[in-house]
Amino acid sequence: MSWPSPPLPAPASLRLRGPSVGRPPLGLARFSDDGVDLAVALVSAHDVDDVVRQLPPCESLPGGALVIVLPELGEVGGGLAGLARWLRPKGHAPRPIRASALLARGYERIGGGVDPKTGQDLVWASAPLSSRPSPAP
């Protein structure tokens, strides 16, 4: 028996955190400069702790904010190091490592699925609603 995949999120926009990556997921034309929801491009994904260090603390985001951890490792640096990274195949962060890192960071409603528009194996979660800053009196 297999469980159905959760529905893919449908953000209106995504800010990019981390190094540059290819096109945005979920049919978005580009990454935005503002907004609440976030796409995280990783530099490396050796293990869960490595990915945890690259994720923003859930308390730093508004409650309910969507965070999508992209599968491809982003490009950093320039010069010969950047050229070498461009010539070799891109690395990928396994879905279980990305999902476990979101859980370890305190995110909720963790899901994963393949974006039919880009073929990207996405992992997403939400910042807890309790992390929402209290309104000023």
N, C-alpha and C. Protein backbone atom coordinates (compact mmCIF):
# COMPACT_ATOMS: atom_id res chain seq x y z
N MET A 1 0.84 -1.17 0.00
CA MET A 1 0.00 0.00 0.00
C MET A 1 0.89 1.24 0.00
N SER A 2 0.59 2.18 -0.83
CA SER A 2 1.33 3.43 -0.83
C SER A 2 0.37 4.57 -0.47
N TRP A 3 0.94 5.55 0.20
CA TRP A 3 0.16 6.70 0.63
C TRP A 3 0.18 7.74 -0.47
N PRO A 4 -0.91 8.47 -0.64
CA PRO A 4 -0.90 9.53 -1.64
C PRO A 4 0.02 10.67 -1.22
N SER A 5 0.63 11.31 -2.19
CA SER A 5 1.49 12.47 -1.89
C SER A 5 0.63 13.63 -1.43
N PRO A 6 1.17 14.45 -0.52
CA PRO A 6 0.41 15.64 -0.14
C PRO A 6 0.34 16.60 -1.34
N PRO A 7 -0.67 17.44 -1.37
CA PRO A 7 -0.75 18.39 -2.47
C PRO A 7 0.45 19.33 -2.47
N LEU A 8 0.90 19.69 -3.64
CA LEU A 8 2.02 20.62 -3.75
C LEU A 8 1.57 22.01 -3.28
N PRO A 9 2.46 22.74 -2.62
CA PRO A 9 2.10 24.11 -2.23
C PRO A 9 1.96 24.99 -3.47
N ALA A 10 1.26 26.09 -3.32
CA ALA A 10 1.05 27.01 -4.44
C ALA A 10 1.32 28.44 -4.00
N PRO A 11 2.59 28.77 -3.72
CA PRO A 11 2.88 30.15 -3.27
C PRO A 11 2.73 31.14 -4.41
N ALA A 12 2.35 32.36 -4.06
CA ALA A 12 2.25 33.43 -5.06
C ALA A 12 3.64 33.91 -5.47
N SER A 13 4.61 33.81 -4.55
CA SER A 13 5.98 34.21 -4.83
C SER A 13 6.90 33.49 -3.83
N LEU A 14 8.18 33.44 -4.17
CA LEU A 14 9.19 32.84 -3.29
C LEU A 14 10.43 33.71 -3.30
N ARG A 15 10.94 34.01 -2.12
CA ARG A 15 12.25 34.64 -2.01
C ARG A 15 13.28 33.52 -2.04
N LEU A 16 14.44 33.77 -2.59
CA LEU A 16 15.50 32.78 -2.62
C LEU A 16 16.51 33.09 -1.53
N ARG A 17 16.83 32.07 -0.73
CA ARG A 17 17.88 32.19 0.29
C ARG A 17 18.96 31.19 -0.10
N GLY A 18 20.18 31.66 -0.21
CA GLY A 18 21.29 30.78 -0.57
C GLY A 18 21.83 31.13 -1.94
N PRO A 19 22.67 30.25 -2.47
CA PRO A 19 23.31 30.52 -3.76
C PRO A 19 22.32 30.44 -4.91
N SER A 20 22.74 30.95 -6.05
CA SER A 20 21.86 30.95 -7.20
C SER A 20 21.59 29.52 -7.68
N VAL A 21 20.40 29.34 -8.19
CA VAL A 21 19.97 28.05 -8.73
C VAL A 21 19.27 28.31 -10.05
N GLY A 22 18.82 27.27 -10.69
CA GLY A 22 18.09 27.41 -11.95
C GLY A 22 16.77 28.11 -11.75
N ARG A 23 15.80 27.71 -12.50
CA ARG A 23 14.50 28.38 -12.43
C ARG A 23 13.74 28.01 -11.17
N PRO A 24 12.84 28.88 -10.75
CA PRO A 24 12.04 28.63 -9.54
C PRO A 24 11.07 27.46 -9.77
N PRO A 25 10.67 26.83 -8.68
CA PRO A 25 9.71 25.73 -8.80
C PRO A 25 8.27 26.21 -8.90
N LEU A 26 7.38 25.26 -9.11
CA LEU A 26 5.94 25.45 -8.99
C LEU A 26 5.37 26.47 -9.97
N GLY A 27 5.96 26.57 -11.14
CA GLY A 27 5.43 27.45 -12.18
C GLY A 27 5.70 28.92 -12.01
N LEU A 28 6.51 29.29 -11.02
CA LEU A 28 6.83 30.71 -10.83
C LEU A 28 7.82 31.16 -11.90
N ALA A 29 7.65 32.36 -12.40
CA ALA A 29 8.51 32.88 -13.46
C ALA A 29 9.89 33.30 -12.94
N ARG A 30 9.93 33.77 -11.70
CA ARG A 30 11.20 34.23 -11.12
C ARG A 30 11.08 34.23 -9.60
N PHE A 31 12.22 34.32 -8.94
CA PHE A 31 12.22 34.50 -7.49
C PHE A 31 11.94 35.97 -7.21
N SER A 32 11.27 36.26 -6.10
CA SER A 32 10.95 37.64 -5.77
C SER A 32 11.96 38.19 -4.77
N ASP A 33 11.93 39.50 -4.59
CA ASP A 33 12.81 40.16 -3.63
C ASP A 33 12.14 40.34 -2.28
N ASP A 34 10.85 40.11 -2.23
CA ASP A 34 10.12 40.27 -0.97
C ASP A 34 9.10 39.16 -0.85
N GLY A 35 8.32 39.22 0.18
CA GLY A 35 7.31 38.19 0.40
C GLY A 35 7.66 37.37 1.62
N VAL A 36 6.74 36.53 2.02
CA VAL A 36 6.88 35.75 3.23
C VAL A 36 7.49 34.38 2.95
N ASP A 37 7.07 33.75 1.87
CA ASP A 37 7.50 32.38 1.58
C ASP A 37 8.91 32.35 1.03
N LEU A 38 9.60 31.24 1.29
CA LEU A 38 11.05 31.18 1.06
C LEU A 38 11.43 29.89 0.36
N ALA A 39 12.32 29.96 -0.61
CA ALA A 39 12.97 28.80 -1.21
C ALA A 39 14.42 28.81 -0.74
N VAL A 40 14.90 27.68 -0.25
CA VAL A 40 16.26 27.60 0.27
C VAL A 40 17.09 26.74 -0.68
N ALA A 41 18.16 27.33 -1.19
CA ALA A 41 19.14 26.58 -2.00
C ALA A 41 20.31 26.24 -1.10
N LEU A 42 20.65 24.99 -1.07
CA LEU A 42 21.73 24.52 -0.20
C LEU A 42 23.06 24.57 -0.93
N VAL A 43 24.13 24.72 -0.16
CA VAL A 43 25.48 24.66 -0.70
C VAL A 43 26.00 23.23 -0.64
N SER A 44 25.62 22.53 0.42
CA SER A 44 26.04 21.14 0.60
C SER A 44 24.96 20.40 1.37
N ALA A 45 25.03 19.08 1.34
CA ALA A 45 24.05 18.26 2.06
C ALA A 45 24.72 16.96 2.48
N HIS A 46 25.81 17.08 3.24
CA HIS A 46 26.54 15.90 3.69
C HIS A 46 25.71 15.05 4.64
N ASP A 47 24.96 15.72 5.53
CA ASP A 47 24.12 15.03 6.49
C ASP A 47 23.08 16.01 7.01
N VAL A 48 22.23 15.54 7.91
CA VAL A 48 21.15 16.39 8.43
C VAL A 48 21.70 17.64 9.11
N ASP A 49 22.74 17.48 9.93
CA ASP A 49 23.31 18.65 10.63
C ASP A 49 23.81 19.70 9.65
N ASP A 50 24.39 19.27 8.55
CA ASP A 50 24.88 20.19 7.53
C ASP A 50 23.73 21.02 6.97
N VAL A 51 22.62 20.38 6.67
CA VAL A 51 21.46 21.09 6.12
C VAL A 51 20.81 21.97 7.18
N VAL A 52 20.72 21.49 8.42
CA VAL A 52 20.14 22.29 9.51
C VAL A 52 20.85 23.64 9.61
N ARG A 53 22.17 23.64 9.51
CA ARG A 53 22.94 24.89 9.61
C ARG A 53 22.60 25.88 8.50
N GLN A 54 22.07 25.41 7.40
CA GLN A 54 21.77 26.28 6.26
C GLN A 54 20.32 26.77 6.24
N LEU A 55 19.48 26.23 7.12
CA LEU A 55 18.08 26.63 7.17
C LEU A 55 17.89 27.77 8.16
N PRO A 56 16.98 28.69 7.86
CA PRO A 56 16.71 29.75 8.84
C PRO A 56 15.95 29.17 10.03
N PRO A 57 16.19 29.69 11.23
CA PRO A 57 15.40 29.25 12.37
C PRO A 57 13.92 29.54 12.10
N CYS A 58 13.05 28.61 12.43
CA CYS A 58 11.63 28.83 12.15
C CYS A 58 11.09 30.05 12.89
N GLU A 59 11.71 30.37 14.03
CA GLU A 59 11.26 31.53 14.81
C GLU A 59 11.57 32.85 14.10
N SER A 60 12.45 32.82 13.11
CA SER A 60 12.81 34.05 12.40
C SER A 60 11.80 34.38 11.30
N LEU A 61 10.85 33.49 11.06
CA LEU A 61 9.85 33.69 10.00
C LEU A 61 8.48 33.90 10.61
N PRO A 62 7.59 34.58 9.89
CA PRO A 62 6.22 34.71 10.38
C PRO A 62 5.56 33.34 10.49
N GLY A 63 4.67 33.17 11.45
CA GLY A 63 3.96 31.92 11.60
C GLY A 63 3.23 31.54 10.33
N GLY A 64 3.35 30.27 9.94
CA GLY A 64 2.70 29.78 8.73
C GLY A 64 3.48 30.00 7.46
N ALA A 65 4.62 30.69 7.52
CA ALA A 65 5.42 30.92 6.31
C ALA A 65 5.88 29.59 5.72
N LEU A 66 5.81 29.49 4.43
CA LEU A 66 6.22 28.30 3.70
C LEU A 66 7.72 28.35 3.44
N VAL A 67 8.40 27.22 3.66
CA VAL A 67 9.81 27.09 3.32
C VAL A 67 9.95 25.86 2.43
N ILE A 68 10.50 26.06 1.24
CA ILE A 68 10.75 24.97 0.30
C ILE A 68 12.26 24.78 0.21
N VAL A 69 12.73 23.57 0.45
CA VAL A 69 14.16 23.28 0.33
C VAL A 69 14.37 22.61 -1.03
N LEU A 70 15.12 23.29 -1.88
CA LEU A 70 15.34 22.83 -3.24
C LEU A 70 16.31 21.64 -3.27
N PRO A 71 16.17 20.76 -4.24
CA PRO A 71 17.01 19.56 -4.27
C PRO A 71 18.42 19.78 -4.81
N GLU A 72 18.57 20.69 -5.78
CA GLU A 72 19.88 20.91 -6.39
C GLU A 72 20.75 21.77 -5.49
N LEU A 73 22.01 21.42 -5.41
CA LEU A 73 22.94 22.24 -4.65
C LEU A 73 23.28 23.44 -5.50
N GLY A 74 23.25 24.64 -4.89
CA GLY A 74 23.49 25.88 -5.61
C GLY A 74 24.95 26.12 -5.89
N GLU A 75 25.19 27.03 -6.78
CA GLU A 75 26.55 27.41 -7.18
C GLU A 75 27.03 28.56 -6.32
N VAL A 76 28.25 28.44 -5.81
CA VAL A 76 28.85 29.53 -5.05
C VAL A 76 30.24 29.79 -5.59
N GLY A 77 30.70 31.00 -5.38
CA GLY A 77 32.07 31.34 -5.76
C GLY A 77 32.21 31.64 -7.24
N GLY A 78 33.35 32.12 -7.57
CA GLY A 78 33.66 32.45 -8.95
C GLY A 78 35.05 31.98 -9.29
N GLY A 79 35.60 32.50 -10.33
CA GLY A 79 36.95 32.12 -10.74
C GLY A 79 37.05 30.66 -11.12
N LEU A 80 38.22 30.07 -10.90
CA LEU A 80 38.44 28.68 -11.28
C LEU A 80 37.57 27.72 -10.46
N ALA A 81 37.34 28.02 -9.19
CA ALA A 81 36.48 27.17 -8.37
C ALA A 81 35.06 27.16 -8.92
N GLY A 82 34.57 28.32 -9.32
CA GLY A 82 33.24 28.40 -9.90
C GLY A 82 33.15 27.67 -11.22
N LEU A 83 34.21 27.76 -12.02
CA LEU A 83 34.25 27.06 -13.31
C LEU A 83 34.25 25.55 -13.09
N ALA A 84 35.02 25.08 -12.12
CA ALA A 84 35.07 23.64 -11.84
C ALA A 84 33.69 23.14 -11.41
N ARG A 85 32.99 23.91 -10.59
CA ARG A 85 31.66 23.51 -10.15
C ARG A 85 30.69 23.50 -11.32
N TRP A 86 30.86 24.41 -12.27
CA TRP A 86 29.98 24.47 -13.42
C TRP A 86 30.20 23.28 -14.34
N LEU A 87 31.43 22.81 -14.45
CA LEU A 87 31.75 21.71 -15.35
C LEU A 87 31.33 20.35 -14.81
N ARG A 88 31.34 20.16 -13.50
CA ARG A 88 30.96 18.85 -12.96
C ARG A 88 29.44 18.81 -12.77
N PRO A 89 28.88 17.61 -12.69
CA PRO A 89 27.43 17.50 -12.48
C PRO A 89 27.02 18.12 -11.16
N LYS A 90 25.82 18.70 -11.16
CA LYS A 90 25.31 19.31 -9.93
C LYS A 90 25.01 18.23 -8.91
N GLY A 91 25.22 18.55 -7.66
CA GLY A 91 24.87 17.64 -6.59
C GLY A 91 23.40 17.80 -6.21
N HIS A 92 22.89 16.81 -5.56
CA HIS A 92 21.51 16.83 -5.09
C HIS A 92 21.46 16.46 -3.62
N ALA A 93 20.56 17.08 -2.92
CA ALA A 93 20.33 16.78 -1.51
C ALA A 93 19.18 15.78 -1.42
N PRO A 94 19.42 14.62 -0.83
CA PRO A 94 18.35 13.62 -0.72
C PRO A 94 17.14 14.14 0.06
N ARG A 95 15.96 13.73 -0.37
CA ARG A 95 14.72 14.17 0.27
C ARG A 95 14.70 13.86 1.77
N PRO A 96 15.09 12.65 2.21
CA PRO A 96 15.04 12.38 3.66
C PRO A 96 15.92 13.30 4.49
N ILE A 97 17.07 13.70 3.96
CA ILE A 97 17.96 14.61 4.69
C ILE A 97 17.31 15.99 4.80
N ARG A 98 16.73 16.47 3.71
CA ARG A 98 16.09 17.80 3.74
C ARG A 98 14.90 17.81 4.68
N ALA A 99 14.06 16.77 4.61
CA ALA A 99 12.87 16.71 5.47
C ALA A 99 13.27 16.58 6.95
N SER A 100 14.28 15.76 7.23
CA SER A 100 14.74 15.60 8.61
C SER A 100 15.31 16.90 9.16
N ALA A 101 16.00 17.66 8.32
CA ALA A 101 16.56 18.93 8.76
C ALA A 101 15.45 19.93 9.10
N LEU A 102 14.38 19.95 8.30
CA LEU A 102 13.25 20.83 8.61
C LEU A 102 12.62 20.45 9.94
N LEU A 103 12.46 19.15 10.18
CA LEU A 103 11.91 18.68 11.45
C LEU A 103 12.82 19.07 12.61
N ALA A 104 14.12 18.88 12.44
CA ALA A 104 15.08 19.21 13.50
C ALA A 104 15.07 20.71 13.81
N ARG A 105 14.78 21.54 12.81
CA ARG A 105 14.74 22.99 13.00
C ARG A 105 13.44 23.46 13.62
N GLY A 106 12.45 22.57 13.73
CA GLY A 106 11.19 22.94 14.37
C GLY A 106 10.06 23.29 13.43
N TYR A 107 10.22 23.06 12.13
CA TYR A 107 9.15 23.34 11.18
C TYR A 107 8.04 22.30 11.30
N GLU A 108 6.86 22.65 10.82
CA GLU A 108 5.68 21.79 10.90
C GLU A 108 5.13 21.52 9.51
N ARG A 109 4.19 20.58 9.44
CA ARG A 109 3.49 20.23 8.19
C ARG A 109 4.49 19.97 7.06
N ILE A 110 5.42 19.08 7.31
CA ILE A 110 6.47 18.75 6.35
C ILE A 110 5.90 17.86 5.26
N GLY A 111 6.22 18.18 4.03
CA GLY A 111 5.75 17.39 2.89
C GLY A 111 6.82 17.30 1.83
N GLY A 112 6.59 16.46 0.88
CA GLY A 112 7.52 16.31 -0.23
C GLY A 112 6.80 15.80 -1.45
N GLY A 113 7.30 16.15 -2.60
CA GLY A 113 6.71 15.71 -3.85
C GLY A 113 7.49 16.24 -5.03
N VAL A 114 7.17 15.72 -6.20
CA VAL A 114 7.85 16.14 -7.43
C VAL A 114 7.01 17.19 -8.13
N ASP A 115 7.64 18.30 -8.45
CA ASP A 115 6.99 19.38 -9.18
C ASP A 115 6.84 18.94 -10.64
N PRO A 116 5.61 18.80 -11.13
CA PRO A 116 5.45 18.34 -12.51
C PRO A 116 5.93 19.34 -13.55
N LYS A 117 6.04 20.61 -13.17
CA LYS A 117 6.50 21.63 -14.13
C LYS A 117 8.01 21.61 -14.34
N THR A 118 8.77 21.33 -13.27
CA THR A 118 10.23 21.36 -13.37
C THR A 118 10.88 20.00 -13.16
N GLY A 119 10.14 19.05 -12.61
CA GLY A 119 10.71 17.75 -12.29
C GLY A 119 11.53 17.76 -11.00
N GLN A 120 11.53 18.89 -10.28
CA GLN A 120 12.29 18.99 -9.03
C GLN A 120 11.61 18.20 -7.92
N ASP A 121 12.42 17.48 -7.15
CA ASP A 121 11.95 16.74 -5.98
C ASP A 121 11.97 17.70 -4.79
N LEU A 122 10.84 18.30 -4.49
CA LEU A 122 10.76 19.35 -3.48
C LEU A 122 10.44 18.80 -2.09
N VAL A 123 10.92 19.49 -1.08
CA VAL A 123 10.54 19.26 0.32
C VAL A 123 10.12 20.61 0.87
N TRP A 124 9.01 20.63 1.61
CA TRP A 124 8.52 21.90 2.14
C TRP A 124 7.99 21.71 3.55
N ALA A 125 7.83 22.82 4.23
CA ALA A 125 7.28 22.83 5.58
C ALA A 125 6.81 24.25 5.88
N SER A 126 6.18 24.39 7.03
CA SER A 126 5.68 25.70 7.46
C SER A 126 6.28 26.06 8.80
N ALA A 127 6.52 27.34 8.99
CA ALA A 127 6.91 27.83 10.32
C ALA A 127 5.70 27.68 11.24
N PRO A 128 5.92 27.26 12.46
CA PRO A 128 4.78 27.09 13.38
C PRO A 128 4.02 28.39 13.56
N LEU A 129 2.71 28.26 13.67
CA LEU A 129 1.89 29.46 13.89
C LEU A 129 2.24 30.12 15.20
N SER A 130 2.72 29.36 16.16
CA SER A 130 3.10 29.94 17.45
C SER A 130 4.34 30.82 17.35
N SER A 131 5.06 30.75 16.21
CA SER A 131 6.25 31.59 16.07
C SER A 131 5.90 32.99 15.59
N ARG A 132 4.62 33.22 15.31
CA ARG A 132 4.20 34.54 14.84
C ARG A 132 4.46 35.57 15.93
N PRO A 133 5.11 36.67 15.57
CA PRO A 133 5.35 37.71 16.56
C PRO A 133 4.04 38.26 17.11
N SER A 134 4.02 38.56 18.38
CA SER A 134 2.82 39.12 19.00
C SER A 134 2.59 40.54 18.52
N PRO A 135 1.33 40.91 18.29
CA PRO A 135 1.05 42.30 17.89
C PRO A 135 1.38 43.27 19.02
N ALA A 136 1.77 44.45 18.64
CA ALA A 136 2.09 45.48 19.64
C ALA A 136 0.79 45.92 20.34
N PRO A 137 0.88 46.22 21.64
CA PRO A 137 -0.34 46.65 22.38
C PRO A 137 -0.82 48.01 21.94
